Each structure stands twice: as structure tokens, then as C-alpha cells.
PDB file of N, CA and C in Angstrom:
ATOM      1  N   UNK A   1      -6.871  14.576   2.209  1.00  0.00           N
ATOM      2  CA  UNK A   1      -5.467  14.390   1.928  1.00  0.00           C
ATOM      3  C   UNK A   1      -5.331  13.162   1.036  1.00  0.00           C
ATOM      4  N   UNK A   2      -4.423  13.208   0.092  1.00  0.00           N
ATOM      5  CA  UNK A   2      -4.144  12.069  -0.769  1.00  0.00           C
ATOM      6  C   UNK A   2      -2.919  11.352  -0.212  1.00  0.00           C
ATOM      7  N   UNK A   3      -3.049  10.047   0.022  1.00  0.00           N
ATOM      8  CA  UNK A   3      -1.979   9.258   0.621  1.00  0.00           C
ATOM      9  C   UNK A   3      -1.595   8.128  -0.322  1.00  0.00           C
ATOM     10  N   UNK A   4      -0.298   7.972  -0.565  1.00  0.00           N
ATOM     11  CA  UNK A   4       0.228   6.872  -1.371  1.00  0.00           C
ATOM     12  C   UNK A   4       0.641   5.748  -0.425  1.00  0.00           C
ATOM     13  N   UNK A   5       0.363   4.508  -0.839  1.00  0.00           N
ATOM     14  CA  UNK A   5       0.697   3.369   0.005  1.00  0.00           C
ATOM     15  C   UNK A   5       1.293   2.257  -0.850  1.00  0.00           C
ATOM     16  N   UNK A   6       2.222   1.528  -0.281  1.00  0.00           N
ATOM     17  CA  UNK A   6       2.848   0.380  -0.926  1.00  0.00           C
ATOM     18  C   UNK A   6       3.453  -0.506   0.142  1.00  0.00           C
ATOM     19  N   UNK A   7       3.884  -1.683  -0.252  1.00  0.00           N
ATOM     20  CA  UNK A   7       4.475  -2.620   0.707  1.00  0.00           C
ATOM     21  C   UNK A   7       5.342  -3.616  -0.048  1.00  0.00           C
ATOM     22  N   UNK A   8       5.797  -4.620   0.660  1.00  0.00           N
ATOM     23  CA  UNK A   8       6.404  -5.774   0.012  1.00  0.00           C
ATOM     24  C   UNK A   8       5.424  -6.934   0.163  1.00  0.00           C
ATOM     25  N   UNK A   9       5.846  -8.126  -0.175  1.00  0.00           N
ATOM     26  CA  UNK A   9       4.946  -9.284  -0.123  1.00  0.00           C
ATOM     27  C   UNK A   9       4.469  -9.607   1.291  1.00  0.00           C
ATOM     28  N   UNK A  10       5.231  -9.239   2.300  1.00  0.00           N
ATOM     29  CA  UNK A  10       4.850  -9.517   3.685  1.00  0.00           C
ATOM     30  C   UNK A  10       3.696  -8.616   4.135  1.00  0.00           C
ATOM     31  N   UNK A  11       3.654  -7.394   3.653  1.00  0.00           N
ATOM     32  CA  UNK A  11       2.630  -6.444   4.067  1.00  0.00           C
ATOM     33  C   UNK A  11       1.328  -6.532   3.291  1.00  0.00           C
ATOM     34  N   UNK A  12       1.255  -7.411   2.321  1.00  0.00           N
ATOM     35  CA  UNK A  12       0.091  -7.491   1.444  1.00  0.00           C
ATOM     36  C   UNK A  12      -1.206  -7.795   2.202  1.00  0.00           C
ATOM     37  N   UNK A  13      -1.125  -8.558   3.268  1.00  0.00           N
ATOM     38  CA  UNK A  13      -2.333  -8.920   4.019  1.00  0.00           C
ATOM     39  C   UNK A  13      -2.853  -7.764   4.869  1.00  0.00           C
ATOM     40  N   UNK A  14      -1.985  -6.930   5.381  1.00  0.00           N
ATOM     41  CA  UNK A  14      -2.377  -5.820   6.246  1.00  0.00           C
ATOM     42  C   UNK A  14      -2.776  -4.574   5.456  1.00  0.00           C
ATOM     43  N   UNK A  15      -2.260  -4.451   4.263  1.00  0.00           N
ATOM     44  CA  UNK A  15      -2.477  -3.245   3.453  1.00  0.00           C
ATOM     45  C   UNK A  15      -3.958  -2.900   3.246  1.00  0.00           C
ATOM     46  N   UNK A  16      -4.841  -3.842   2.917  1.00  0.00           N
ATOM     47  CA  UNK A  16      -6.259  -3.486   2.740  1.00  0.00           C
ATOM     48  C   UNK A  16      -6.904  -2.909   4.009  1.00  0.00           C
ATOM     49  N   UNK A  17      -6.502  -3.399   5.166  1.00  0.00           N
ATOM     50  CA  UNK A  17      -7.023  -2.883   6.431  1.00  0.00           C
ATOM     51  C   UNK A  17      -6.593  -1.435   6.629  1.00  0.00           C
ATOM     52  N   UNK A  18      -5.346  -1.148   6.326  1.00  0.00           N
ATOM     53  CA  UNK A  18      -4.835   0.216   6.459  1.00  0.00           C
ATOM     54  C   UNK A  18      -5.523   1.146   5.463  1.00  0.00           C
ATOM     55  N   UNK A  19      -5.695   0.679   4.236  1.00  0.00           N
ATOM     56  CA  UNK A  19      -6.360   1.481   3.212  1.00  0.00           C
ATOM     57  C   UNK A  19      -7.792   1.799   3.636  1.00  0.00           C
ATOM     58  N   UNK A  20      -8.517   0.791   4.110  1.00  0.00           N
ATOM     59  CA  UNK A  20      -9.899   1.012   4.558  1.00  0.00           C
ATOM     60  C   UNK A  20      -9.955   2.027   5.695  1.00  0.00           C
ATOM     61  N   UNK A  21      -9.036   1.915   6.638  1.00  0.00           N
ATOM     62  CA  UNK A  21      -8.998   2.838   7.777  1.00  0.00           C
ATOM     63  C   UNK A  21      -8.754   4.282   7.312  1.00  0.00           C
ATOM     64  N   UNK A  22      -7.788   4.448   6.426  1.00  0.00           N
ATOM     65  CA  UNK A  22      -7.481   5.784   5.921  1.00  0.00           C
ATOM     66  C   UNK A  22      -8.661   6.374   5.159  1.00  0.00           C
ATOM     67  N   UNK A  23      -9.362   5.540   4.394  1.00  0.00           N
ATOM     68  CA  UNK A  23     -10.535   6.019   3.663  1.00  0.00           C
ATOM     69  C   UNK A  23     -11.660   6.407   4.618  1.00  0.00           C
ATOM     70  N   UNK A  24     -11.820   5.648   5.703  1.00  0.00           N
ATOM     71  CA  UNK A  24     -12.825   5.989   6.722  1.00  0.00           C
ATOM     72  C   UNK A  24     -12.543   7.357   7.339  1.00  0.00           C
ATOM     73  N   UNK A  25     -11.285   7.718   7.418  1.00  0.00           N
ATOM     74  CA  UNK A  25     -10.893   9.017   7.957  1.00  0.00           C
ATOM     75  C   UNK A  25     -11.066  10.135   6.929  1.00  0.00           C
ATOM     76  N   UNK A  26     -11.460   9.767   5.718  1.00  0.00           N
ATOM     77  CA  UNK A  26     -11.723  10.758   4.691  1.00  0.00           C
ATOM     78  C   UNK A  26     -10.585  11.015   3.722  1.00  0.00           C
ATOM     79  N   UNK A  27      -9.561  10.194   3.775  1.00  0.00           N
ATOM     80  CA  UNK A  27      -8.414  10.383   2.892  1.00  0.00           C
ATOM     81  C   UNK A  27      -8.608   9.646   1.569  1.00  0.00           C
ATOM     82  N   UNK A  28      -7.980  10.161   0.536  1.00  0.00           N
ATOM     83  CA  UNK A  28      -7.929   9.473  -0.751  1.00  0.00           C
ATOM     84  C   UNK A  28      -6.638   8.652  -0.758  1.00  0.00           C
ATOM     85  N   UNK A  29      -6.731   7.369  -1.085  1.00  0.00           N
ATOM     86  CA  UNK A  29      -5.572   6.481  -1.018  1.00  0.00           C
ATOM     87  C   UNK A  29      -5.267   5.925  -2.402  1.00  0.00           C
ATOM     88  N   UNK A  30      -4.000   6.020  -2.801  1.00  0.00           N
ATOM     89  CA  UNK A  30      -3.557   5.413  -4.053  1.00  0.00           C
ATOM     90  C   UNK A  30      -2.613   4.265  -3.708  1.00  0.00           C
ATOM     91  N   UNK A  31      -2.966   3.072  -4.130  1.00  0.00           N
ATOM     92  CA  UNK A  31      -2.217   1.846  -3.833  1.00  0.00           C
ATOM     93  C   UNK A  31      -1.259   1.555  -4.984  1.00  0.00           C
ATOM     94  N   UNK A  32       0.038   1.565  -4.697  1.00  0.00           N
ATOM     95  CA  UNK A  32       1.052   1.332  -5.710  1.00  0.00           C
ATOM     96  C   UNK A  32       1.553  -0.105  -5.747  1.00  0.00           C
ATOM     97  N   UNK A  33       0.912  -0.986  -4.990  1.00  0.00           N
ATOM     98  CA  UNK A  33       1.275  -2.399  -5.058  1.00  0.00           C
ATOM     99  C   UNK A  33       2.079  -2.857  -3.863  1.00  0.00           C
ATOM    100  N   UNK A  34       2.425  -4.103  -3.866  1.00  0.00           N
ATOM    101  CA  UNK A  34       2.068  -5.118  -4.848  1.00  0.00           C
ATOM    102  C   UNK A  34       0.614  -5.547  -4.695  1.00  0.00           C
ATOM    103  N   UNK A  35       0.142  -6.304  -5.658  1.00  0.00           N
ATOM    104  CA  UNK A  35      -1.252  -6.723  -5.671  1.00  0.00           C
ATOM    105  C   UNK A  35      -1.411  -8.230  -5.493  1.00  0.00           C
ATOM    106  N   UNK A  36      -0.299  -8.924  -5.245  1.00  0.00           N
ATOM    107  CA  UNK A  36      -0.341 -10.364  -4.966  1.00  0.00           C
ATOM    108  C   UNK A  36       0.700 -10.672  -3.894  1.00  0.00           C
ATOM    109  N   UNK A  37       0.654 -11.877  -3.374  1.00  0.00           N
ATOM    110  CA  UNK A  37       1.601 -12.261  -2.319  1.00  0.00           C
ATOM    111  C   UNK A  37       2.880 -12.872  -2.891  1.00  0.00           C
ATOM    112  N   UNK A  38       3.083 -12.740  -4.200  1.00  0.00           N
ATOM    113  CA  UNK A  38       4.317 -13.224  -4.810  1.00  0.00           C
ATOM    114  C   UNK A  38       5.495 -12.466  -4.211  1.00  0.00           C
ATOM    115  N   UNK A  39       6.554 -13.180  -3.893  1.00  0.00           N
ATOM    116  CA  UNK A  39       7.718 -12.586  -3.227  1.00  0.00           C
ATOM    117  C   UNK A  39       8.262 -11.395  -4.025  1.00  0.00           C
ATOM    118  N   UNK A  40       8.483 -10.296  -3.315  1.00  0.00           N
ATOM    119  CA  UNK A  40       9.030  -9.081  -3.923  1.00  0.00           C
ATOM    120  C   UNK A  40       9.751  -8.271  -2.855  1.00  0.00           C
ATOM    121  N   UNK A  41      10.491  -7.272  -3.266  1.00  0.00           N
ATOM    122  CA  UNK A  41      11.250  -6.440  -2.329  1.00  0.00           C
ATOM    123  C   UNK A  41      10.608  -5.060  -2.209  1.00  0.00           C
ATOM    124  N   UNK A  42      10.595  -4.526  -1.013  1.00  0.00           N
ATOM    125  CA  UNK A  42       9.932  -3.242  -0.743  1.00  0.00           C
ATOM    126  C   UNK A  42      10.550  -2.051  -1.490  1.00  0.00           C
ATOM    127  N   UNK A  43      11.850  -2.020  -1.823  1.00  0.00           N
ATOM    128  CA  UNK A  43      12.372  -0.830  -2.505  1.00  0.00           C
ATOM    129  C   UNK A  43      11.676  -0.546  -3.844  1.00  0.00           C
ATOM    130  N   UNK A  44      11.198  -1.570  -4.509  1.00  0.00           N
ATOM    131  CA  UNK A  44      10.498  -1.378  -5.778  1.00  0.00           C
ATOM    132  C   UNK A  44       9.270  -0.501  -5.552  1.00  0.00           C
ATOM    133  N   UNK A  45       8.522  -0.803  -4.505  1.00  0.00           N
ATOM    134  CA  UNK A  45       7.285  -0.079  -4.227  1.00  0.00           C
ATOM    135  C   UNK A  45       7.538   1.197  -3.440  1.00  0.00           C
ATOM    136  N   UNK A  46       8.598   1.226  -2.675  1.00  0.00           N
ATOM    137  CA  UNK A  46       8.986   2.443  -1.981  1.00  0.00           C
ATOM    138  C   UNK A  46       9.299   3.564  -2.967  1.00  0.00           C
ATOM    139  N   UNK A  47       9.961   3.206  -4.042  1.00  0.00           N
ATOM    140  CA  UNK A  47      10.290   4.189  -5.095  1.00  0.00           C
ATOM    141  C   UNK A  47       9.016   4.706  -5.754  1.00  0.00           C
ATOM    142  N   UNK A  48       8.061   3.820  -6.017  1.00  0.00           N
ATOM    143  CA  UNK A  48       6.802   4.231  -6.635  1.00  0.00           C
ATOM    144  C   UNK A  48       6.011   5.156  -5.702  1.00  0.00           C
ATOM    145  N   UNK A  49       6.007   4.845  -4.420  1.00  0.00           N
ATOM    146  CA  UNK A  49       5.279   5.652  -3.439  1.00  0.00           C
ATOM    147  C   UNK A  49       5.924   7.031  -3.286  1.00  0.00           C
ATOM    148  N   UNK A  50       7.247   7.045  -3.276  1.00  0.00           N
ATOM    149  CA  UNK A  50       7.965   8.312  -3.105  1.00  0.00           C
ATOM    150  C   UNK A  50       7.771   9.210  -4.304  1.00  0.00           C
TER     151      UNK A  50
END
């Protein structure tokens, strides 16, 4: 299964753990950001994931 993932700046630390877990289960994961802990709002990435 292909899974899209994104977050806001608060979720940036947990996101790699979730991605690794999903990949261990055999899923393909596409990360839509953010890629730094710079303050941002989740709707930006929610739209990209959707």
C-alpha cells in the first residue's frame, strides 16, 4: 500500500519513527513535509497529503 504522510512543525520529530514503522510493515511511504522544525501550520501539508 502507498501511504502519504505529513505533519506540522510539532510532528517533525515523530514522523521518521512512523515512516520507519510503516516501511517495516511493507508499505511505500511518501513524505510531503515539512522537512525542518521551522514553525509551520498543518493545513499546508494536509492539503498536499490529501
